[in-house]
Amino acid sequence: MIRALLAFLLLTAPAFAADMSVFVRNQRSDGVALELFSRDSQKVWPGEDKVFLIRPKAKKSVPISCEPGERICWGAWVNGDDSVAAGVGPDNDQPCDTCCFICTEHSTETVDLAE
């Protein structure tokens, strides 16, 4: 009986969320919009049809909560002109080998947006 109760508790326990940061360095002379996309779920940061805005030549730290081990990719574009994009782009539909990272508790991932 105790084993069954322990198994039930383990299987129904909520997933542990990790808090991490994404540090964005916008080296461009244009302001950019950025979104983060989970490759393992439908989650998008910041979500709710919002984007992270980073001013020209600015740096910004963005806190996120994600599932440990979750693969996250970034998409960025010139604010107001999504035809100039980097990473997986504004629609998360561009191939990219270097724009993804793994969610790790208390870590920081850096995104450099070059001119």
PDB file of N, CA and C in Angstrom:
ATOM      1  N   MET A   1       0.810  -1.191   0.000  1.00  0.00           N
ATOM      2  CA  MET A   1       0.000   0.000   0.000  1.00  0.00           C
ATOM      3  C   MET A   1       0.862   1.267   0.000  1.00  0.00           C
ATOM      4  N   ILE A   2       1.901   1.284   0.833  1.00  0.00           N
ATOM      5  CA  ILE A   2       2.782   2.452   0.901  1.00  0.00           C
ATOM      6  C   ILE A   2       3.521   2.629  -0.422  1.00  0.00           C
ATOM      7  N   ARG A   3       3.965   1.536  -1.020  1.00  0.00           N
ATOM      8  CA  ARG A   3       4.649   1.620  -2.317  1.00  0.00           C
ATOM      9  C   ARG A   3       3.732   2.207  -3.381  1.00  0.00           C
ATOM     10  N   ALA A   4       2.487   1.789  -3.368  1.00  0.00           N
ATOM     11  CA  ALA A   4       1.532   2.307  -4.353  1.00  0.00           C
ATOM     12  C   ALA A   4       1.313   3.803  -4.148  1.00  0.00           C
ATOM     13  N   LEU A   5       1.228   4.217  -2.900  1.00  0.00           N
ATOM     14  CA  LEU A   5       1.051   5.643  -2.596  1.00  0.00           C
ATOM     15  C   LEU A   5       2.275   6.446  -3.038  1.00  0.00           C
ATOM     16  N   LEU A   6       3.468   5.950  -2.755  1.00  0.00           N
ATOM     17  CA  LEU A   6       4.693   6.641  -3.184  1.00  0.00           C
ATOM     18  C   LEU A   6       4.783   6.719  -4.705  1.00  0.00           C
ATOM     19  N   ALA A   7       4.463   5.653  -5.385  1.00  0.00           N
ATOM     20  CA  ALA A   7       4.482   5.659  -6.849  1.00  0.00           C
ATOM     21  C   ALA A   7       3.483   6.672  -7.392  1.00  0.00           C
ATOM     22  N   PHE A   8       2.303   6.722  -6.793  1.00  0.00           N
ATOM     23  CA  PHE A   8       1.294   7.692  -7.217  1.00  0.00           C
ATOM     24  C   PHE A   8       1.802   9.118  -7.039  1.00  0.00           C
ATOM     25  N   LEU A   9       2.403   9.394  -5.883  1.00  0.00           N
ATOM     26  CA  LEU A   9       2.922  10.741  -5.619  1.00  0.00           C
ATOM     27  C   LEU A   9       4.041  11.116  -6.586  1.00  0.00           C
ATOM     28  N   LEU A  10       4.909  10.193  -6.889  1.00  0.00           N
ATOM     29  CA  LEU A  10       5.991  10.471  -7.834  1.00  0.00           C
ATOM     30  C   LEU A  10       5.477  10.738  -9.237  1.00  0.00           C
ATOM     31  N   LEU A  11       4.467  10.005  -9.642  1.00  0.00           N
ATOM     32  CA  LEU A  11       3.931  10.154 -10.995  1.00  0.00           C
ATOM     33  C   LEU A  11       3.052  11.378 -11.143  1.00  0.00           C
ATOM     34  N   THR A  12       2.476  11.855 -10.050  1.00  0.00           N
ATOM     35  CA  THR A  12       1.580  13.005 -10.142  1.00  0.00           C
ATOM     36  C   THR A  12       2.216  14.298  -9.651  1.00  0.00           C
ATOM     37  N   ALA A  13       3.457  14.241  -9.229  1.00  0.00           N
ATOM     38  CA  ALA A  13       4.133  15.456  -8.747  1.00  0.00           C
ATOM     39  C   ALA A  13       4.322  16.424  -9.908  1.00  0.00           C
ATOM     40  N   PRO A  14       4.132  17.718  -9.650  1.00  0.00           N
ATOM     41  CA  PRO A  14       4.314  18.686 -10.730  1.00  0.00           C
ATOM     42  C   PRO A  14       5.768  18.731 -11.187  1.00  0.00           C
ATOM     43  N   ALA A  15       5.959  19.054 -12.456  1.00  0.00           N
ATOM     44  CA  ALA A  15       7.300  19.149 -13.012  1.00  0.00           C
ATOM     45  C   ALA A  15       8.027  20.336 -12.381  1.00  0.00           C
ATOM     46  N   PHE A  16       9.295  20.176 -12.150  1.00  0.00           N
ATOM     47  CA  PHE A  16      10.127  21.205 -11.562  1.00  0.00           C
ATOM     48  C   PHE A  16      10.525  22.210 -12.647  1.00  0.00           C
ATOM     49  N   ALA A  17      10.262  23.468 -12.421  1.00  0.00           N
ATOM     50  CA  ALA A  17      10.638  24.507 -13.376  1.00  0.00           C
ATOM     51  C   ALA A  17      11.976  25.095 -12.975  1.00  0.00           C
ATOM     52  N   ALA A  18      12.806  25.367 -13.964  1.00  0.00           N
ATOM     53  CA  ALA A  18      14.112  25.974 -13.737  1.00  0.00           C
ATOM     54  C   ALA A  18      14.034  27.459 -14.078  1.00  0.00           C
ATOM     55  N   ASP A  19      14.676  28.266 -13.277  1.00  0.00           N
ATOM     56  CA  ASP A  19      14.787  29.691 -13.570  1.00  0.00           C
ATOM     57  C   ASP A  19      16.171  29.949 -14.131  1.00  0.00           C
ATOM     58  N   MET A  20      16.212  30.567 -15.287  1.00  0.00           N
ATOM     59  CA  MET A  20      17.485  30.903 -15.915  1.00  0.00           C
ATOM     60  C   MET A  20      17.359  32.259 -16.592  1.00  0.00           C
ATOM     61  N   SER A  21      18.455  32.767 -17.128  1.00  0.00           N
ATOM     62  CA  SER A  21      18.459  34.062 -17.808  1.00  0.00           C
ATOM     63  C   SER A  21      19.033  33.919 -19.207  1.00  0.00           C
ATOM     64  N   VAL A  22      18.551  34.776 -20.080  1.00  0.00           N
ATOM     65  CA  VAL A  22      19.112  34.894 -21.420  1.00  0.00           C
ATOM     66  C   VAL A  22      19.634  36.321 -21.517  1.00  0.00           C
ATOM     67  N   PHE A  23      20.935  36.455 -21.754  1.00  0.00           N
ATOM     68  CA  PHE A  23      21.583  37.757 -21.843  1.00  0.00           C
ATOM     69  C   PHE A  23      21.753  38.090 -23.327  1.00  0.00           C
ATOM     70  N   VAL A  24      21.092  39.152 -23.779  1.00  0.00           N
ATOM     71  CA  VAL A  24      21.085  39.521 -25.201  1.00  0.00           C
ATOM     72  C   VAL A  24      21.958  40.760 -25.391  1.00  0.00           C
ATOM     73  N   ARG A  25      22.914  40.652 -26.316  1.00  0.00           N
ATOM     74  CA  ARG A  25      23.752  41.796 -26.686  1.00  0.00           C
ATOM     75  C   ARG A  25      23.392  42.181 -28.120  1.00  0.00           C
ATOM     76  N   ASN A  26      22.707  43.291 -28.255  1.00  0.00           N
ATOM     77  CA  ASN A  26      22.323  43.777 -29.581  1.00  0.00           C
ATOM     78  C   ASN A  26      23.430  44.692 -30.092  1.00  0.00           C
ATOM     79  N   GLN A  27      24.254  44.176 -30.987  1.00  0.00           N
ATOM     80  CA  GLN A  27      25.360  44.943 -31.546  1.00  0.00           C
ATOM     81  C   GLN A  27      24.954  45.683 -32.816  1.00  0.00           C
ATOM     82  N   ARG A  28      23.694  45.594 -33.150  1.00  0.00           N
ATOM     83  CA  ARG A  28      23.175  46.227 -34.359  1.00  0.00           C
ATOM     84  C   ARG A  28      22.847  47.700 -34.120  1.00  0.00           C
ATOM     85  N   SER A  29      22.771  48.446 -35.201  1.00  0.00           N
ATOM     86  CA  SER A  29      22.367  49.851 -35.096  1.00  0.00           C
ATOM     87  C   SER A  29      20.848  49.998 -35.141  1.00  0.00           C
ATOM     88  N   ASP A  30      20.138  48.878 -35.266  1.00  0.00           N
ATOM     89  CA  ASP A  30      18.668  48.845 -35.247  1.00  0.00           C
ATOM     90  C   ASP A  30      18.193  48.196 -33.958  1.00  0.00           C
ATOM     91  N   GLY A  31      17.025  48.603 -33.491  1.00  0.00           N
ATOM     92  CA  GLY A  31      16.393  47.897 -32.396  1.00  0.00           C
ATOM     93  C   GLY A  31      15.893  46.551 -32.901  1.00  0.00           C
ATOM     94  N   VAL A  32      15.895  45.552 -32.040  1.00  0.00           N
ATOM     95  CA  VAL A  32      15.444  44.226 -32.453  1.00  0.00           C
ATOM     96  C   VAL A  32      14.358  43.718 -31.517  1.00  0.00           C
ATOM     97  N   ALA A  33      13.544  42.838 -32.060  1.00  0.00           N
ATOM     98  CA  ALA A  33      12.558  42.088 -31.295  1.00  0.00           C
ATOM     99  C   ALA A  33      13.080  40.661 -31.186  1.00  0.00           C
ATOM    100  N   LEU A  34      12.829  40.013 -30.057  1.00  0.00           N
ATOM    101  CA  LEU A  34      13.334  38.665 -29.842  1.00  0.00           C
ATOM    102  C   LEU A  34      12.267  37.837 -29.147  1.00  0.00           C
ATOM    103  N   GLU A  35      12.166  36.582 -29.568  1.00  0.00           N
ATOM    104  CA  GLU A  35      11.306  35.605 -28.903  1.00  0.00           C
ATOM    105  C   GLU A  35      12.103  34.343 -28.691  1.00  0.00           C
ATOM    106  N   LEU A  36      11.734  33.589 -27.671  1.00  0.00           N
ATOM    107  CA  LEU A  36      12.338  32.298 -27.380  1.00  0.00           C
ATOM    108  C   LEU A  36      11.279  31.231 -27.582  1.00  0.00           C
ATOM    109  N   PHE A  37      11.658  30.135 -28.246  1.00  0.00           N
ATOM    110  CA  PHE A  37      10.721  29.070 -28.602  1.00  0.00           C
ATOM    111  C   PHE A  37      11.207  27.737 -28.052  1.00  0.00           C
ATOM    112  N   SER A  38      10.328  27.006 -27.375  1.00  0.00           N
ATOM    113  CA  SER A  38      10.659  25.659 -26.921  1.00  0.00           C
ATOM    114  C   SER A  38      10.585  24.704 -28.104  1.00  0.00           C
ATOM    115  N   ARG A  39      11.550  23.811 -28.207  1.00  0.00           N
ATOM    116  CA  ARG A  39      11.518  22.757 -29.217  1.00  0.00           C
ATOM    117  C   ARG A  39      10.793  21.519 -28.685  1.00  0.00           C
ATOM    118  N   ASP A  40      10.494  21.530 -27.371  1.00  0.00           N
ATOM    119  CA  ASP A  40       9.882  20.369 -26.744  1.00  0.00           C
ATOM    120  C   ASP A  40       8.405  20.556 -26.406  1.00  0.00           C
ATOM    121  N   SER A  41       7.919  21.782 -26.539  1.00  0.00           N
ATOM    122  CA  SER A  41       6.504  22.065 -26.257  1.00  0.00           C
ATOM    123  C   SER A  41       6.093  23.263 -27.114  1.00  0.00           C
ATOM    124  N   GLN A  42       4.922  23.774 -26.875  1.00  0.00           N
ATOM    125  CA  GLN A  42       4.438  24.935 -27.616  1.00  0.00           C
ATOM    126  C   GLN A  42       4.750  26.247 -26.899  1.00  0.00           C
ATOM    127  N   LYS A  43       5.576  26.199 -25.860  1.00  0.00           N
ATOM    128  CA  LYS A  43       5.854  27.379 -25.054  1.00  0.00           C
ATOM    129  C   LYS A  43       6.702  28.396 -25.813  1.00  0.00           C
ATOM    130  N   VAL A  44       6.343  29.676 -25.631  1.00  0.00           N
ATOM    131  CA  VAL A  44       7.060  30.799 -26.237  1.00  0.00           C
ATOM    132  C   VAL A  44       7.271  31.844 -25.149  1.00  0.00           C
ATOM    133  N   TRP A  45       8.454  32.440 -25.126  1.00  0.00           N
ATOM    134  CA  TRP A  45       8.748  33.503 -24.170  1.00  0.00           C
ATOM    135  C   TRP A  45       8.949  34.807 -24.931  1.00  0.00           C
ATOM    136  N   PRO A  46       8.392  35.943 -24.580  1.00  0.00           N
ATOM    137  CA  PRO A  46       7.615  36.143 -23.371  1.00  0.00           C
ATOM    138  C   PRO A  46       6.184  35.632 -23.478  1.00  0.00           C
ATOM    139  N   GLY A  47       5.693  35.293 -24.655  1.00  0.00           N
ATOM    140  CA  GLY A  47       4.351  34.737 -24.805  1.00  0.00           C
ATOM    141  C   GLY A  47       3.286  35.809 -24.937  1.00  0.00           C
ATOM    142  N   GLU A  48       2.064  35.354 -25.119  1.00  0.00           N
ATOM    143  CA  GLU A  48       0.892  36.233 -25.232  1.00  0.00           C
ATOM    144  C   GLU A  48       1.078  37.321 -26.286  1.00  0.00           C
ATOM    145  N   ASP A  49       1.635  36.947 -27.441  1.00  0.00           N
ATOM    146  CA  ASP A  49       1.849  37.876 -28.568  1.00  0.00           C
ATOM    147  C   ASP A  49       2.726  39.068 -28.206  1.00  0.00           C
ATOM    148  N   LYS A  50       3.614  38.889 -27.240  1.00  0.00           N
ATOM    149  CA  LYS A  50       4.566  39.935 -26.869  1.00  0.00           C
ATOM    150  C   LYS A  50       5.956  39.515 -27.318  1.00  0.00           C
ATOM    151  N   VAL A  51       6.883  40.469 -27.361  1.00  0.00           N
ATOM    152  CA  VAL A  51       8.280  40.199 -27.714  1.00  0.00           C
ATOM    153  C   VAL A  51       9.178  40.941 -26.730  1.00  0.00           C
ATOM    154  N   PHE A  52      10.419  40.498 -26.641  1.00  0.00           N
ATOM    155  CA  PHE A  52      11.422  41.248 -25.905  1.00  0.00           C
ATOM    156  C   PHE A  52      11.998  42.274 -26.877  1.00  0.00           C
ATOM    157  N   LEU A  53      11.996  43.546 -26.513  1.00  0.00           N
ATOM    158  CA  LEU A  53      12.562  44.597 -27.353  1.00  0.00           C
ATOM    159  C   LEU A  53      13.923  45.000 -26.805  1.00  0.00           C
ATOM    160  N   ILE A  54      14.913  45.035 -27.687  1.00  0.00           N
ATOM    161  CA  ILE A  54      16.263  45.416 -27.291  1.00  0.00           C
ATOM    162  C   ILE A  54      16.690  46.589 -28.158  1.00  0.00           C
ATOM    163  N   ARG A  55      16.990  47.693 -27.514  1.00  0.00           N
ATOM    164  CA  ARG A  55      17.382  48.912 -28.224  1.00  0.00           C
ATOM    165  C   ARG A  55      18.691  48.713 -28.984  1.00  0.00           C
ATOM    166  N   PRO A  56      18.980  49.600 -29.958  1.00  0.00           N
ATOM    167  CA  PRO A  56      20.248  49.513 -30.685  1.00  0.00           C
ATOM    168  C   PRO A  56      21.437  49.599 -29.727  1.00  0.00           C
ATOM    169  N   LYS A  57      22.435  48.746 -29.956  1.00  0.00           N
ATOM    170  CA  LYS A  57      23.684  48.715 -29.183  1.00  0.00           C
ATOM    171  C   LYS A  57      23.463  48.475 -27.689  1.00  0.00           C
ATOM    172  N   ALA A  58      22.311  47.918 -27.314  1.00  0.00           N
ATOM    173  CA  ALA A  58      21.981  47.711 -25.894  1.00  0.00           C
ATOM    174  C   ALA A  58      22.187  46.257 -25.495  1.00  0.00           C
ATOM    175  N   LYS A  59      22.227  46.047 -24.189  1.00  0.00           N
ATOM    176  CA  LYS A  59      22.308  44.718 -23.593  1.00  0.00           C
ATOM    177  C   LYS A  59      21.109  44.556 -22.667  1.00  0.00           C
ATOM    178  N   LYS A  60      20.571  43.349 -22.636  1.00  0.00           N
ATOM    179  CA  LYS A  60      19.385  43.118 -21.802  1.00  0.00           C
ATOM    180  C   LYS A  60      19.409  41.687 -21.286  1.00  0.00           C
ATOM    181  N   SER A  61      19.116  41.524 -20.008  1.00  0.00           N
ATOM    182  CA  SER A  61      18.992  40.203 -19.416  1.00  0.00           C
ATOM    183  C   SER A  61      17.509  39.875 -19.300  1.00  0.00           C
ATOM    184  N   VAL A  62      17.138  38.712 -19.797  1.00  0.00           N
ATOM    185  CA  VAL A  62      15.739  38.286 -19.831  1.00  0.00           C
ATOM    186  C   VAL A  62      15.588  37.035 -18.966  1.00  0.00           C
ATOM    187  N   PRO A  63      14.834  37.114 -17.869  1.00  0.00           N
ATOM    188  CA  PRO A  63      14.620  35.915 -17.052  1.00  0.00           C
ATOM    189  C   PRO A  63      13.514  35.047 -17.647  1.00  0.00           C
ATOM    190  N   ILE A  64      13.718  33.731 -17.616  1.00  0.00           N
ATOM    191  CA  ILE A  64      12.678  32.805 -18.074  1.00  0.00           C
ATOM    192  C   ILE A  64      12.578  31.652 -17.088  1.00  0.00           C
ATOM    193  N   SER A  65      11.440  31.000 -17.094  1.00  0.00           N
ATOM    194  CA  SER A  65      11.218  29.786 -16.333  1.00  0.00           C
ATOM    195  C   SER A  65      10.938  28.679 -17.338  1.00  0.00           C
ATOM    196  N   CYS A  66      11.705  27.609 -17.271  1.00  0.00           N
ATOM    197  CA  CYS A  66      11.603  26.535 -18.265  1.00  0.00           C
ATOM    198  C   CYS A  66      11.796  25.192 -17.582  1.00  0.00           C
ATOM    199  N   GLU A  67      11.567  24.132 -18.322  1.00  0.00           N
ATOM    200  CA  GLU A  67      11.737  22.787 -17.791  1.00  0.00           C
ATOM    201  C   GLU A  67      13.198  22.365 -17.960  1.00  0.00           C
ATOM    202  N   PRO A  68      13.842  21.854 -16.913  1.00  0.00           N
ATOM    203  CA  PRO A  68      15.231  21.405 -17.039  1.00  0.00           C
ATOM    204  C   PRO A  68      15.383  20.417 -18.193  1.00  0.00           C
ATOM    205  N   GLY A  69      16.380  20.660 -19.030  1.00  0.00           N
ATOM    206  CA  GLY A  69      16.618  19.811 -20.195  1.00  0.00           C
ATOM    207  C   GLY A  69      15.854  20.237 -21.430  1.00  0.00           C
ATOM    208  N   GLU A  70      14.940  21.178 -21.297  1.00  0.00           N
ATOM    209  CA  GLU A  70      14.152  21.661 -22.432  1.00  0.00           C
ATOM    210  C   GLU A  70      15.066  22.367 -23.432  1.00  0.00           C
ATOM    211  N   ARG A  71      14.860  22.112 -24.708  1.00  0.00           N
ATOM    212  CA  ARG A  71      15.646  22.762 -25.758  1.00  0.00           C
ATOM    213  C   ARG A  71      14.913  24.029 -26.191  1.00  0.00           C
ATOM    214  N   ILE A  72      15.630  25.159 -26.133  1.00  0.00           N
ATOM    215  CA  ILE A  72      15.053  26.462 -26.427  1.00  0.00           C
ATOM    216  C   ILE A  72      15.864  27.125 -27.534  1.00  0.00           C
ATOM    217  N   CYS A  73      15.161  27.694 -28.521  1.00  0.00           N
ATOM    218  CA  CYS A  73      15.816  28.391 -29.628  1.00  0.00           C
ATOM    219  C   CYS A  73      15.348  29.842 -29.651  1.00  0.00           C
ATOM    220  N   TRP A  74      16.209  30.726 -30.113  1.00  0.00           N
ATOM    221  CA  TRP A  74      15.836  32.136 -30.184  1.00  0.00           C
ATOM    222  C   TRP A  74      15.632  32.557 -31.634  1.00  0.00           C
ATOM    223  N   GLY A  75      14.720  33.506 -31.797  1.00  0.00           N
ATOM    224  CA  GLY A  75      14.476  34.134 -33.085  1.00  0.00           C
ATOM    225  C   GLY A  75      14.472  35.639 -32.876  1.00  0.00           C
ATOM    226  N   ALA A  76      15.164  36.361 -33.727  1.00  0.00           N
ATOM    227  CA  ALA A  76      15.247  37.819 -33.592  1.00  0.00           C
ATOM    228  C   ALA A  76      15.056  38.446 -34.957  1.00  0.00           C
ATOM    229  N   TRP A  77      14.581  39.686 -34.957  1.00  0.00           N
ATOM    230  CA  TRP A  77      14.398  40.408 -36.205  1.00  0.00           C
ATOM    231  C   TRP A  77      14.423  41.897 -35.917  1.00  0.00           C
ATOM    232  N   VAL A  78      14.701  42.676 -36.961  1.00  0.00           N
ATOM    233  CA  VAL A  78      14.696  44.125 -36.816  1.00  0.00           C
ATOM    234  C   VAL A  78      13.286  44.548 -36.443  1.00  0.00           C
ATOM    235  N   ASN A  79      13.172  45.334 -35.383  1.00  0.00           N
ATOM    236  CA  ASN A  79      11.867  45.774 -34.924  1.00  0.00           C
ATOM    237  C   ASN A  79      11.175  46.564 -36.040  1.00  0.00           C
ATOM    238  N   GLY A  80      10.042  46.069 -36.500  1.00  0.00           N
ATOM    239  CA  GLY A  80       9.301  46.715 -37.574  1.00  0.00           C
ATOM    240  C   GLY A  80       9.591  46.165 -38.957  1.00  0.00           C
ATOM    241  N   ASP A  81      10.569  45.249 -39.080  1.00  0.00           N
ATOM    242  CA  ASP A  81      10.916  44.666 -40.384  1.00  0.00           C
ATOM    243  C   ASP A  81      11.353  43.224 -40.174  1.00  0.00           C
ATOM    244  N   ASP A  82      10.386  42.311 -40.126  1.00  0.00           N
ATOM    245  CA  ASP A  82      10.739  40.927 -39.850  1.00  0.00           C
ATOM    246  C   ASP A  82      11.364  40.200 -41.038  1.00  0.00           C
ATOM    247  N   SER A  83      11.595  40.919 -42.162  1.00  0.00           N
ATOM    248  CA  SER A  83      12.326  40.304 -43.269  1.00  0.00           C
ATOM    249  C   SER A  83      13.826  40.276 -42.981  1.00  0.00           C
ATOM    250  N   VAL A  84      14.285  41.064 -42.000  1.00  0.00           N
ATOM    251  CA  VAL A  84      15.683  41.048 -41.563  1.00  0.00           C
ATOM    252  C   VAL A  84      15.712  40.292 -40.244  1.00  0.00           C
ATOM    253  N   ALA A  85      15.988  38.981 -40.333  1.00  0.00           N
ATOM    254  CA  ALA A  85      15.850  38.116 -39.166  1.00  0.00           C
ATOM    255  C   ALA A  85      17.108  37.289 -38.932  1.00  0.00           C
ATOM    256  N   ALA A  86      17.215  36.767 -37.716  1.00  0.00           N
ATOM    257  CA  ALA A  86      18.317  35.888 -37.329  1.00  0.00           C
ATOM    258  C   ALA A  86      17.758  34.755 -36.482  1.00  0.00           C
ATOM    259  N   GLY A  87      18.593  33.768 -36.224  1.00  0.00           N
ATOM    260  CA  GLY A  87      18.142  32.612 -35.440  1.00  0.00           C
ATOM    261  C   GLY A  87      17.064  31.856 -36.177  1.00  0.00           C
ATOM    262  N   VAL A  88      16.030  31.437 -35.480  1.00  0.00           N
ATOM    263  CA  VAL A  88      14.931  30.700 -36.112  1.00  0.00           C
ATOM    264  C   VAL A  88      13.876  31.627 -36.692  1.00  0.00           C
ATOM    265  N   GLY A  89      14.128  32.957 -36.604  1.00  0.00           N
ATOM    266  CA  GLY A  89      13.223  33.938 -37.190  1.00  0.00           C
ATOM    267  C   GLY A  89      11.987  34.178 -36.346  1.00  0.00           C
ATOM    268  N   PRO A  90      11.141  35.113 -36.784  1.00  0.00           N
ATOM    269  CA  PRO A  90       9.962  35.487 -35.998  1.00  0.00           C
ATOM    270  C   PRO A  90       8.882  34.410 -35.941  1.00  0.00           C
ATOM    271  N   ASP A  91       8.913  33.472 -36.881  1.00  0.00           N
ATOM    272  CA  ASP A  91       7.892  32.428 -36.916  1.00  0.00           C
ATOM    273  C   ASP A  91       8.427  31.059 -36.501  1.00  0.00           C
ATOM    274  N   ASN A  92       9.655  31.035 -35.980  1.00  0.00           N
ATOM    275  CA  ASN A  92      10.267  29.777 -35.533  1.00  0.00           C
ATOM    276  C   ASN A  92      10.309  28.743 -36.650  1.00  0.00           C
ATOM    277  N   ASP A  93      10.592  29.209 -37.867  1.00  0.00           N
ATOM    278  CA  ASP A  93      10.563  28.285 -39.005  1.00  0.00           C
ATOM    279  C   ASP A  93      11.845  28.295 -39.841  1.00  0.00           C
ATOM    280  N   GLN A  94      12.912  28.911 -39.327  1.00  0.00           N
ATOM    281  CA  GLN A  94      14.180  28.947 -40.058  1.00  0.00           C
ATOM    282  C   GLN A  94      15.156  27.939 -39.446  1.00  0.00           C
ATOM    283  N   PRO A  95      15.940  27.270 -40.283  1.00  0.00           N
ATOM    284  CA  PRO A  95      16.937  26.340 -39.725  1.00  0.00           C
ATOM    285  C   PRO A  95      18.060  27.114 -39.038  1.00  0.00           C
ATOM    286  N   CYS A  96      18.551  26.561 -37.952  1.00  0.00           N
ATOM    287  CA  CYS A  96      19.628  27.222 -37.227  1.00  0.00           C
ATOM    288  C   CYS A  96      20.312  26.210 -36.322  1.00  0.00           C
ATOM    289  N   ASP A  97      21.612  26.037 -36.497  1.00  0.00           N
ATOM    290  CA  ASP A  97      22.365  25.092 -35.678  1.00  0.00           C
ATOM    291  C   ASP A  97      22.962  25.737 -34.433  1.00  0.00           C
ATOM    292  N   THR A  98      23.087  27.052 -34.424  1.00  0.00           N
ATOM    293  CA  THR A  98      23.806  27.725 -33.340  1.00  0.00           C
ATOM    294  C   THR A  98      22.922  28.641 -32.493  1.00  0.00           C
ATOM    295  N   CYS A  99      21.614  28.533 -32.627  1.00  0.00           N
ATOM    296  CA  CYS A  99      20.737  29.460 -31.900  1.00  0.00           C
ATOM    297  C   CYS A  99      19.849  28.757 -30.875  1.00  0.00           C
ATOM    298  N   CYS A 100      20.261  27.587 -30.425  1.00  0.00           N
ATOM    299  CA  CYS A 100      19.490  26.854 -29.432  1.00  0.00           C
ATOM    300  C   CYS A 100      20.360  26.532 -28.224  1.00  0.00           C
ATOM    301  N   PHE A 101      19.710  26.344 -27.085  1.00  0.00           N
ATOM    302  CA  PHE A 101      20.417  25.990 -25.862  1.00  0.00           C
ATOM    303  C   PHE A 101      19.505  25.126 -25.012  1.00  0.00           C
ATOM    304  N   ILE A 102      20.066  24.556 -23.976  1.00  0.00           N
ATOM    305  CA  ILE A 102      19.323  23.668 -23.081  1.00  0.00           C
ATOM    306  C   ILE A 102      19.017  24.411 -21.782  1.00  0.00           C
ATOM    307  N   CYS A 103      17.783  24.307 -21.329  1.00  0.00           N
ATOM    308  CA  CYS A 103      17.365  24.923 -20.064  1.00  0.00           C
ATOM    309  C   CYS A 103      18.106  24.262 -18.911  1.00  0.00           C
ATOM    310  N   THR A 104      18.797  25.099 -18.137  1.00  0.00           N
ATOM    311  CA  THR A 104      19.549  24.633 -16.974  1.00  0.00           C
ATOM    312  C   THR A 104      19.317  25.600 -15.821  1.00  0.00           C
ATOM    313  N   GLU A 105      18.932  25.073 -14.683  1.00  0.00           N
ATOM    314  CA  GLU A 105      18.649  25.883 -13.498  1.00  0.00           C
ATOM    315  C   GLU A 105      19.809  26.807 -13.151  1.00  0.00           C
ATOM    316  N   HIS A 106      19.502  28.061 -12.832  1.00  0.00           N
ATOM    317  CA  HIS A 106      20.470  29.064 -12.384  1.00  0.00           C
ATOM    318  C   HIS A 106      21.611  29.281 -13.374  1.00  0.00           C
ATOM    319  N   SER A 107      21.310  29.259 -14.661  1.00  0.00           N
ATOM    320  CA  SER A 107      22.341  29.483 -15.669  1.00  0.00           C
ATOM    321  C   SER A 107      21.974  30.704 -16.511  1.00  0.00           C
ATOM    322  N   THR A 108      22.947  31.152 -17.295  1.00  0.00           N
ATOM    323  CA  THR A 108      22.733  32.253 -18.212  1.00  0.00           C
ATOM    324  C   THR A 108      23.231  31.854 -19.587  1.00  0.00           C
ATOM    325  N   GLU A 109      22.405  32.077 -20.568  1.00  0.00           N
ATOM    326  CA  GLU A 109      22.768  31.825 -21.968  1.00  0.00           C
ATOM    327  C   GLU A 109      22.930  33.188 -22.627  1.00  0.00           C
ATOM    328  N   THR A 110      23.958  33.360 -23.461  1.00  0.00           N
ATOM    329  CA  THR A 110      24.205  34.640 -24.128  1.00  0.00           C
ATOM    330  C   THR A 110      23.840  34.548 -25.597  1.00  0.00           C
ATOM    331  N   VAL A 111      23.127  35.574 -26.070  1.00  0.00           N
ATOM    332  CA  VAL A 111      22.758  35.707 -27.484  1.00  0.00           C
ATOM    333  C   VAL A 111      23.402  36.967 -28.006  1.00  0.00           C
ATOM    334  N   ASP A 112      24.270  36.839 -29.021  1.00  0.00           N
ATOM    335  CA  ASP A 112      24.901  37.985 -29.647  1.00  0.00           C
ATOM    336  C   ASP A 112      24.239  38.257 -30.993  1.00  0.00           C
ATOM    337  N   LEU A 113      23.710  39.453 -31.160  1.00  0.00           N
ATOM    338  CA  LEU A 113      23.080  39.846 -32.420  1.00  0.00           C
ATOM    339  C   LEU A 113      24.006  40.816 -33.125  1.00  0.00           C
ATOM    340  N   ALA A 114      24.707  40.316 -34.138  1.00  0.00           N
ATOM    341  CA  ALA A 114      25.706  41.110 -34.857  1.00  0.00           C
ATOM    342  C   ALA A 114      25.047  41.903 -35.977  1.00  0.00           C
ATOM    343  N   GLU A 115      25.736  42.943 -36.420  1.00  0.00           N
ATOM    344  CA  GLU A 115      25.285  43.807 -37.520  1.00  0.00           C
ATOM    345  C   GLU A 115      25.160  43.003 -38.787  1.00  0.00           C
TER     346      GLU A 115
END
